[in-house]
């Protein structure tokens, strides 16, 4: 975390091009499908894909739909479960914690039990409360949101600090694919909560939930569900009305126009046009990593390929691992980038910052309001595309009380 302070086309040649290129595209599409199907949990036959049209611009016309990416089966491991729950309220004394609990919508008897029948301890710099599973399960959505928001503002609450989020429009689909038992589904739904300023559902009681499940198979299914991520599948419409020269200029940034323009000119002459997967057009790192997961590696020396490493290496075929060092990131930002009012070029960097200028997340502008990013370095976090506003909502939950979370935009001088 760091701070930023700065307030011609003859017909014959066309036919030849199509004969040469279209079979390659079809083969490429088949290979691409096989490649991605190992990474994207299939939803064929289980839902009707809703296709949305993006805002047109120099990038052309985009079509997108939402999908769910499931963590690879071999990555699912069961954690060692603690036997108790710990709420650590740093820099908050017992009287303040009592006041917080009394301010919730819990029935008087539950409030009294939390205050008077729950083990308390005084930490070096705060207060620790150890509620039972029964007490945690009995929290209302509103009380859970209020208490967990307070915990999120305190360090030492790792599970609450990074809650799982669900898009309400995708949740039923994800549950339908999970093969969870009805009781497990009901358990999950009972533990969901919402917070002001976000339309998402949040979940932060993994260990409590896992302790209620009947066996390891059900626990693995549960972990797979809460580890799944919503992402955008995006295509570019190319037809006879497309300004392919302008589109190639946009998507070919970083010296790649020669790679993009011939393809677009060939597709433009396909009858009725062609919808091209955006993965063909992204910069090297994004094209290579989109919809994939990093390998698990317990070593402390492994490169933490997080959002900053991703954003600053976006045009690199050989990523620079020095971008895991935030001092190196800051120096390169000062030297090689300049601030812009809003992103309008492929590769612009999108930062999410708190009111004091502390940057908490980075992403890469793709087109319209779509960004490419990775939410954390953990191996259960894939590289994906999402709407900027959705990215903001996920961090509103992680930084409660900071209602002035804002975007900062930068562009590389040499791109």
Protein backbone atom coordinates (compact mmCIF):
# COMPACT_ATOMS: atom_id res chain seq x y z
CA UNK A 1 0.00 0.00 0.00
CA UNK A 2 1.35 3.40 -0.86
CA UNK A 3 0.20 6.96 -1.12
CA UNK A 4 -0.18 9.18 -4.15
CA UNK A 5 0.09 12.91 -3.76
CA UNK A 6 -1.19 14.89 -6.73
CA UNK A 7 -4.35 16.38 -6.70
CA UNK A 8 -6.99 -2.40 -50.98
CA UNK A 9 -9.26 -4.16 -50.37
CA UNK A 10 -9.67 -5.66 -53.95
CA UNK A 11 -12.17 -8.49 -54.03
CA UNK A 12 -9.61 -11.14 -55.03
CA UNK A 13 -7.33 -10.35 -52.12
CA UNK A 14 -10.27 -10.37 -49.79
CA UNK A 15 -11.23 -13.89 -50.88
CA UNK A 16 -7.64 -15.07 -50.44
CA UNK A 17 -7.47 -13.53 -47.00
CA UNK A 18 -10.67 -15.23 -45.95
CA UNK A 19 -9.55 -18.60 -47.31
CA UNK A 20 -6.34 -18.34 -45.34
CA UNK A 21 -7.58 -16.76 -42.13
CA UNK A 22 -11.07 -18.06 -41.43
CA UNK A 23 -10.04 -21.75 -41.06
CA UNK A 24 -7.32 -20.61 -38.69
CA UNK A 25 -9.84 -18.65 -36.68
CA UNK A 26 -12.21 -21.61 -36.49
CA UNK A 27 -9.38 -23.87 -35.36
CA UNK A 28 -8.25 -21.22 -32.91
CA UNK A 29 -11.74 -20.93 -31.52
CA UNK A 30 -11.94 -24.69 -31.01
CA UNK A 31 -8.57 -24.73 -29.32
CA UNK A 32 -9.53 -21.76 -27.24
CA UNK A 33 -12.71 -23.47 -26.13
CA UNK A 34 -10.77 -26.58 -25.11
CA UNK A 35 -8.21 -24.46 -23.30
CA UNK A 36 -10.67 -22.40 -21.34
CA UNK A 37 -13.10 -25.23 -20.60
CA UNK A 38 -10.55 -26.64 -18.18
CA UNK A 39 -10.66 -23.39 -16.28
CA UNK A 40 -14.27 -22.33 -16.51
CA UNK A 41 -16.90 -24.43 -14.81
CA UNK A 42 -19.41 -25.28 -17.55
CA UNK A 43 -22.88 -23.84 -17.25
CA UNK A 44 -24.19 -25.33 -20.52
CA UNK A 45 -27.86 -26.13 -20.30
CA UNK A 46 -28.20 -24.62 -16.85
CA UNK A 47 -28.92 -21.01 -17.65
CA UNK A 48 -29.75 -18.66 -20.46
CA UNK A 49 -26.85 -16.33 -21.15
CA UNK A 50 -27.99 -12.73 -21.13
CA UNK A 51 -26.01 -10.76 -23.70
CA UNK A 52 -25.45 -7.10 -22.93
CA UNK A 53 -24.26 -4.42 -25.33
CA UNK A 54 -21.57 -2.12 -24.12
CA UNK A 55 -21.17 1.57 -24.78
CA UNK A 56 -19.59 2.07 -28.25
CA UNK A 57 -16.33 3.97 -28.52
CA UNK A 58 -12.98 3.96 -30.32
CA UNK A 59 -12.71 0.32 -29.28
CA UNK A 60 -15.82 -0.52 -31.38
CA UNK A 61 -18.95 -2.33 -30.16
CA UNK A 62 -18.69 -4.79 -27.31
CA UNK A 63 -20.96 -7.65 -26.28
CA UNK A 64 -20.59 -9.23 -22.89
CA UNK A 65 -22.18 -11.74 -20.58
CA UNK A 66 -21.46 -12.81 -17.03
CA UNK A 67 -20.13 -16.24 -16.18
CA UNK A 68 -18.82 -18.10 -13.14
CA UNK A 69 -15.23 -19.33 -12.91
CA UNK A 70 -14.76 -22.23 -10.52
CA UNK A 71 -11.48 -22.85 -8.76
CA UNK A 72 -9.73 -26.00 -10.16
CA UNK A 73 -10.74 -29.14 -8.26
CA UNK A 74 -7.14 -29.96 -7.36
CA UNK A 75 -6.76 -26.58 -5.69
CA UNK A 76 -9.53 -27.25 -3.17
CA UNK A 77 -8.11 -28.15 0.20
CA UNK A 78 -9.79 -28.31 3.56
CA UNK A 79 -8.39 -25.90 6.15
CA UNK A 80 -7.53 -26.94 9.67
CA UNK A 81 -10.52 -25.67 11.59
CA UNK A 82 -10.14 -23.79 14.83
CA UNK A 83 -12.41 -24.78 17.68
CA UNK A 84 -13.38 -21.24 18.66
CA UNK A 85 -14.38 -17.97 17.04
CA UNK A 86 -12.39 -14.86 17.79
CA UNK A 87 -13.53 -11.29 17.32
CA UNK A 88 -10.65 -8.90 17.92
CA UNK A 89 -11.64 -5.27 18.39
CA UNK A 90 -8.37 -3.36 18.24
CA UNK A 91 -8.25 0.07 19.83
CA UNK A 92 -11.77 -0.47 21.18
CA UNK A 93 -12.43 -1.00 24.87
CA UNK A 94 -15.05 -3.28 26.37
CA UNK A 95 -17.59 -0.51 26.94
CA UNK A 96 -17.41 0.48 23.29
CA UNK A 97 -17.86 -3.14 22.18
CA UNK A 98 -20.87 -3.45 24.49
CA UNK A 99 -22.34 -0.29 22.97
CA UNK A 100 -21.79 -1.71 19.49
CA UNK A 101 -23.61 -4.95 20.36
CA UNK A 102 -26.48 -3.06 21.99
CA UNK A 103 -26.88 -0.94 18.84
CA UNK A 104 -27.73 -4.01 16.73
CA UNK A 105 -31.23 -5.36 15.98
CA UNK A 106 -30.65 -8.56 17.96
CA UNK A 107 -33.31 -9.59 20.50
CA UNK A 108 -32.52 -8.53 24.08
CA UNK A 109 -31.80 -12.10 25.16
CA UNK A 110 -29.14 -12.53 22.46
CA UNK A 111 -27.59 -9.18 23.28
CA UNK A 112 -27.43 -10.12 26.94
CA UNK A 113 -25.84 -13.49 26.14
CA UNK A 114 -23.17 -11.89 23.95
CA UNK A 115 -22.34 -9.36 26.65
CA UNK A 116 -22.66 -11.41 29.82
CA UNK A 117 -22.31 -15.08 28.87
CA UNK A 118 -19.50 -14.91 26.31
CA UNK A 119 -15.81 -15.11 27.22
CA UNK A 120 -14.05 -11.75 27.03
CA UNK A 121 -10.39 -10.86 27.30
CA UNK A 122 -8.43 -7.66 27.20
CA UNK A 123 -5.71 -7.62 24.56
CA UNK A 124 -2.64 -5.40 24.52
CA UNK A 125 -4.43 -2.88 22.34
CA UNK A 126 -8.11 -3.76 22.38
CA UNK A 127 -10.79 -6.26 23.32
CA UNK A 128 -11.33 -9.89 22.33
CA UNK A 129 -14.70 -11.65 22.31
CA UNK A 130 -15.08 -15.40 21.65
CA UNK A 131 -18.69 -16.14 20.65
CA UNK A 132 -19.89 -19.70 20.18
CA UNK A 133 -20.96 -21.12 16.82
CA UNK A 134 -24.56 -20.95 18.06
CA UNK A 135 -24.23 -17.23 18.74
CA UNK A 136 -22.62 -16.55 15.37
CA UNK A 137 -25.26 -18.57 13.53
CA UNK A 138 -28.02 -16.64 15.34
CA UNK A 139 -26.86 -13.21 14.16
CA UNK A 140 -29.32 -11.36 11.94
CA UNK A 141 -28.08 -10.06 8.57
CA UNK A 142 -28.17 -6.48 9.89
CA UNK A 143 -26.33 -7.28 13.13
CA UNK A 144 -23.78 -9.38 11.23
CA UNK A 145 -23.15 -6.46 8.87
CA UNK A 146 -22.75 -4.01 11.76
CA UNK A 147 -20.43 -6.14 13.86
CA UNK A 148 -18.37 -7.39 10.92
CA UNK A 149 -17.97 -3.88 9.55
CA UNK A 150 -16.44 -2.91 12.88
CA UNK A 151 -14.17 -5.96 12.78
CA UNK A 152 -13.10 -5.12 9.24
CA UNK A 153 -11.71 -1.83 10.49
CA UNK A 154 -9.51 -3.74 12.93
CA UNK A 155 -6.45 -5.75 11.97
CA UNK A 156 -6.29 -9.30 13.25
CA UNK A 157 -9.62 -10.46 11.81
CA UNK A 158 -8.40 -12.12 8.60
CA UNK A 159 -11.62 -13.97 7.77
CA UNK A 160 -13.79 -10.91 8.24
CA UNK A 161 -11.16 -8.67 6.69
CA UNK A 162 -11.55 -10.25 3.24
CA UNK A 163 -15.15 -11.51 3.01
CA UNK A 164 -16.42 -13.50 0.04
CA UNK A 165 -18.77 -11.53 -2.18
CA UNK A 166 -21.60 -12.68 -4.43
CA UNK A 167 -23.40 -10.85 -7.21
CA UNK A 168 -27.11 -11.35 -6.39
CA UNK A 169 -27.86 -11.99 -10.07
CA UNK A 170 -25.29 -14.81 -10.15
CA UNK A 171 -25.83 -16.40 -6.74
CA UNK A 172 -28.69 -18.74 -7.70
CA UNK A 173 -26.74 -19.95 -10.73
CA UNK A 174 -23.68 -20.63 -8.59
CA UNK A 175 -25.71 -22.51 -6.01
CA UNK A 176 -27.39 -24.55 -8.76
CA UNK A 177 -23.98 -25.71 -9.98
CA UNK A 178 -22.63 -26.53 -6.53
CA UNK A 179 -24.36 -29.92 -5.87
CA UNK A 180 -24.66 -28.88 -2.23
CA UNK A 181 -27.31 -30.46 -0.07
CA UNK A 182 -30.39 -28.31 0.68
CA UNK A 183 -29.37 -27.90 4.31
CA UNK A 184 -25.95 -26.59 3.28
CA UNK A 185 -27.53 -24.13 0.87
CA UNK A 186 -29.86 -22.92 3.60
CA UNK A 187 -26.88 -22.50 5.91
CA UNK A 188 -25.03 -20.37 3.40
CA UNK A 189 -28.04 -18.17 2.74
CA UNK A 190 -28.55 -17.61 6.47
CA UNK A 191 -25.00 -16.29 6.81
CA UNK A 192 -25.15 -13.78 3.97
CA UNK A 193 -25.34 -10.09 4.72
CA UNK A 194 -25.29 -6.75 2.92
CA UNK A 195 -23.73 -3.43 3.78
CA UNK A 196 -24.77 0.12 2.89
CA UNK A 197 -23.31 1.33 -0.39
CA UNK A 198 -23.10 -2.10 -2.00
CA UNK A 199 -25.66 -4.28 -3.79
CA UNK A 200 -23.58 -7.43 -3.23
CA UNK A 201 -24.03 -10.23 -0.74
CA UNK A 202 -21.12 -10.93 1.60
CA UNK A 203 -20.06 -14.03 3.53
CA UNK A 204 -17.40 -14.12 6.25
CA UNK A 205 -18.10 -17.21 8.38
CA UNK A 206 -16.23 -19.97 6.56
CA UNK A 207 -15.02 -21.89 9.59
CA UNK A 208 -18.34 -21.68 11.41
CA UNK A 209 -20.12 -22.99 8.30
CA UNK A 210 -17.63 -25.81 7.67
CA UNK A 211 -18.03 -27.05 11.25
CA UNK A 212 -21.77 -27.50 10.62
CA UNK A 213 -21.38 -29.64 7.49
CA UNK A 214 -21.70 -33.46 7.67
CA UNK A 215 -18.53 -34.63 5.88
CA UNK A 216 -15.43 -33.60 3.96
CA UNK A 217 -17.10 -34.09 0.57
CA UNK A 218 -19.74 -31.53 1.46
CA UNK A 219 -17.09 -29.22 2.87
CA UNK A 220 -15.13 -29.36 -0.39
CA UNK A 221 -18.28 -28.52 -2.36
CA UNK A 222 -18.95 -25.63 -0.03
CA UNK A 223 -15.41 -24.27 -0.46
CA UNK A 224 -15.71 -24.60 -4.23
CA UNK A 225 -18.88 -22.55 -4.15
CA UNK A 226 -17.58 -19.72 -2.01
CA UNK A 227 -14.32 -19.69 -4.04
CA UNK A 228 -16.10 -19.29 -7.40
CA UNK A 229 -15.81 -15.89 -9.02
CA UNK A 230 -18.05 -13.97 -11.41
CA UNK A 231 -16.30 -12.63 -14.50
CA UNK A 232 -17.20 -11.07 -17.83
CA UNK A 233 -16.94 -12.91 -21.15
CA UNK A 234 -16.47 -10.16 -23.74
CA UNK A 235 -16.59 -10.13 -27.55
CA UNK A 236 -15.93 -7.41 -30.12
CA UNK A 237 -18.37 -7.00 -33.02
CA UNK A 238 -16.61 -6.59 -36.37
CA UNK A 239 -18.74 -5.98 -39.49
CA UNK A 240 -18.85 -3.86 -42.64
CA UNK A 241 -19.79 -0.75 -40.66
CA UNK A 242 -16.80 -1.03 -38.30
CA UNK A 243 -14.00 1.51 -38.45
CA UNK A 244 -11.35 -1.17 -38.30
CA UNK A 245 -8.46 1.26 -38.65
CA UNK A 246 -9.56 3.14 -35.53
CA UNK A 247 -10.32 -0.10 -33.71
CA UNK A 248 -6.90 -1.53 -34.59
CA UNK A 249 -5.30 1.66 -33.32
CA UNK A 250 -7.11 1.21 -30.01
CA UNK A 251 -6.53 -2.52 -29.53
CA UNK A 252 -3.04 -2.52 -31.07
CA UNK A 253 -1.55 -0.23 -28.43
CA UNK A 254 1.91 -1.26 -27.40
CA UNK A 255 3.22 -1.83 -30.94
CA UNK A 256 0.64 -4.45 -31.87
CA UNK A 257 -1.34 -2.72 -34.67
CA UNK A 258 0.36 -4.94 -37.27
CA UNK A 259 -0.99 -7.97 -35.38
CA UNK A 260 -4.53 -6.66 -35.02
CA UNK A 261 -5.39 -4.80 -38.23
CA UNK A 262 -5.05 -7.68 -40.77
CA UNK A 263 -7.34 -9.83 -38.64
CA UNK A 264 -9.96 -7.12 -38.32
CA UNK A 265 -9.91 -6.37 -42.06
CA UNK A 266 -10.44 -10.07 -42.82
CA UNK A 267 -13.32 -10.37 -40.32
CA UNK A 268 -14.95 -7.23 -41.68
CA UNK A 269 -15.56 -9.04 -44.97
CA UNK A 270 -17.21 -12.05 -43.39
CA UNK A 271 -20.90 -12.05 -44.28
CA UNK A 272 -22.89 -10.55 -41.40
CA UNK A 273 -19.67 -9.84 -39.53
CA UNK A 274 -17.96 -11.73 -36.74
CA UNK A 275 -17.89 -11.49 -32.97
CA UNK A 276 -14.27 -11.81 -31.89
CA UNK A 277 -13.30 -12.94 -28.42
CA UNK A 278 -11.52 -10.12 -26.65
CA UNK A 279 -8.82 -12.54 -25.54
CA UNK A 280 -7.31 -12.23 -29.04
CA UNK A 281 -6.83 -8.50 -28.58
CA UNK A 282 -5.56 -8.07 -25.05
CA UNK A 283 -1.94 -7.20 -24.23
CA UNK A 284 0.48 -10.12 -23.70
CA UNK A 285 0.12 -10.74 -19.99
CA UNK A 286 -3.64 -10.35 -19.96
CA UNK A 287 -4.03 -12.60 -23.00
CA UNK A 288 -1.92 -15.25 -21.29
CA UNK A 289 -3.52 -15.09 -17.83
CA UNK A 290 -7.20 -14.29 -18.45
CA UNK A 291 -9.53 -16.80 -16.71
CA UNK A 292 -6.63 -18.73 -15.18
CA UNK A 293 -5.34 -19.32 -11.67
CA UNK A 294 -1.74 -19.24 -10.43
CA UNK A 295 -0.29 -22.48 -9.08
CA UNK A 296 -0.39 -22.91 -5.30
CA UNK A 297 3.02 -22.40 -3.75
CA UNK A 298 3.56 -22.31 0.00
CA UNK A 299 7.05 -20.84 -0.29
CA UNK A 300 7.51 -17.42 1.26
CA UNK A 301 9.84 -16.56 -1.63
CA UNK A 302 7.28 -17.13 -4.40
CA UNK A 303 6.38 -14.08 -6.48
CA UNK A 304 3.09 -12.69 -5.23
CA UNK A 305 1.34 -12.02 -8.54
CA UNK A 306 -1.20 -9.57 -7.21
CA UNK A 307 -3.11 -6.66 -8.73
CA UNK A 308 -0.10 -4.30 -8.80
CA UNK A 309 2.24 -6.87 -10.37
CA UNK A 310 -0.51 -7.53 -12.96
CA UNK A 311 -1.27 -3.89 -13.81
CA UNK A 312 2.33 -2.79 -14.22
CA UNK A 313 3.31 -5.87 -16.29
CA UNK A 314 0.29 -5.76 -18.58
CA UNK A 315 2.25 -5.15 -21.82
CA UNK A 316 5.12 -7.47 -20.83
CA UNK A 317 5.81 -10.84 -22.42
CA UNK A 318 8.39 -11.39 -19.67
CA UNK A 319 6.94 -9.92 -16.45
CA UNK A 320 9.18 -7.91 -14.15
CA UNK A 321 8.86 -9.43 -10.70
CA UNK A 322 10.20 -6.29 -9.06
CA UNK A 323 6.64 -4.98 -9.23
CA UNK A 324 5.81 -6.99 -6.11
CA UNK A 325 7.84 -4.37 -4.23
CA UNK A 326 5.63 -1.37 -3.49
CA UNK A 327 8.62 0.99 -3.31
CA UNK A 328 9.56 -0.08 -6.83
CA UNK A 329 5.95 0.42 -7.93
CA UNK A 330 5.89 3.92 -6.48
CA UNK A 331 9.17 4.94 -8.12
CA UNK A 332 8.04 3.65 -11.53
CA UNK A 333 4.71 5.39 -11.18
CA UNK A 334 6.45 8.70 -10.49
CA UNK A 335 8.97 8.25 -13.32
CA UNK A 336 7.05 6.53 -16.14
CA UNK A 337 3.38 7.49 -15.68
CA UNK A 338 1.24 10.60 -15.54
CA UNK A 339 -2.15 11.29 -14.05
CA UNK A 340 -5.21 11.44 -16.34
CA UNK A 341 -8.80 12.54 -15.77
CA UNK A 342 -10.34 9.25 -16.85
CA UNK A 343 -9.17 6.09 -18.67
CA UNK A 344 -9.62 6.13 -22.44
CA UNK A 345 -6.80 3.95 -23.76
CA UNK A 346 -6.18 0.23 -23.46
CA UNK A 347 -3.66 -0.26 -20.67
CA UNK A 348 -4.43 2.80 -18.56
CA UNK A 349 -4.00 1.96 -14.90
CA UNK A 350 -7.00 2.21 -12.60
CA UNK A 351 -6.25 2.64 -8.92
CA UNK A 352 -8.73 2.43 -6.09
CA UNK A 353 -7.75 4.70 -3.22
CA UNK A 354 -9.03 5.83 0.14
CA UNK A 355 -9.71 9.47 1.00
CA UNK A 356 -6.14 10.03 2.21
CA UNK A 357 -4.68 8.84 -1.12
CA UNK A 358 -3.66 5.36 0.06
CA UNK A 359 -3.93 3.03 -2.92
CA UNK A 360 -5.55 -0.30 -2.03
CA UNK A 361 -6.05 -1.91 -5.45
CA UNK A 362 -4.93 -1.67 -9.09
CA UNK A 363 -6.51 -2.77 -12.36
CA UNK A 364 -6.03 -2.25 -16.11
CA UNK A 365 -8.55 -0.38 -18.24
CA UNK A 366 -9.77 -2.55 -21.15
CA UNK A 367 -12.64 -0.62 -22.76
CA UNK A 368 -15.90 1.06 -21.76
CA UNK A 369 -16.07 0.49 -17.99
CA UNK A 370 -14.40 -2.96 -18.15
CA UNK A 371 -11.15 -3.66 -16.32
CA UNK A 372 -8.73 -6.58 -16.17
CA UNK A 373 -7.52 -7.43 -12.70
CA UNK A 374 -6.69 -9.95 -10.01
CA UNK A 375 -8.14 -9.47 -6.55
CA UNK A 376 -5.19 -10.47 -4.38
CA UNK A 377 -2.24 -12.78 -4.93
CA UNK A 378 -3.82 -15.97 -3.52
CA UNK A 379 -4.07 -19.00 -5.80
CA UNK A 380 -7.86 -19.05 -5.41
CA UNK A 381 -8.06 -15.64 -7.08
CA UNK A 382 -8.15 -15.82 -10.91
CA UNK A 383 -7.31 -13.15 -13.44
CA UNK A 384 -10.61 -11.86 -14.78
CA UNK A 385 -12.56 -8.98 -16.32
CA UNK A 386 -15.19 -7.06 -14.44
CA UNK A 387 -17.03 -3.77 -14.45
CA UNK A 388 -15.27 -0.93 -12.68
CA UNK A 389 -18.31 -0.24 -10.50
CA UNK A 390 -18.44 -3.89 -9.39
CA UNK A 391 -14.79 -3.75 -8.44
CA UNK A 392 -15.51 -0.69 -6.33
CA UNK A 393 -18.40 -2.43 -4.55
CA UNK A 394 -16.22 -5.35 -3.46
CA UNK A 395 -13.79 -2.97 -1.76
CA UNK A 396 -16.51 -0.91 -0.09
CA UNK A 397 -17.12 -4.02 2.03
CA UNK A 398 -13.44 -4.42 2.84
CA UNK A 399 -12.99 -0.80 3.84
CA UNK A 400 -16.15 0.17 5.75
CA UNK A 401 -16.33 3.70 7.02
CA UNK A 402 -14.28 4.85 4.05
CA UNK A 403 -17.27 5.97 1.98
CA UNK A 404 -15.02 8.21 -0.06
CA UNK A 405 -13.21 5.39 -1.86
CA UNK A 406 -12.29 6.87 -5.23
CA UNK A 407 -10.64 6.04 -8.51
CA UNK A 408 -7.29 7.43 -9.66
CA UNK A 409 -6.15 6.99 -13.26
CA UNK A 410 -2.67 6.91 -14.80
CA UNK A 411 -1.17 6.40 -18.24
CA UNK A 412 2.28 5.22 -19.20
CA UNK A 413 4.27 7.86 -21.04
CA UNK A 414 5.71 5.50 -23.64
CA UNK A 415 2.53 3.60 -24.56
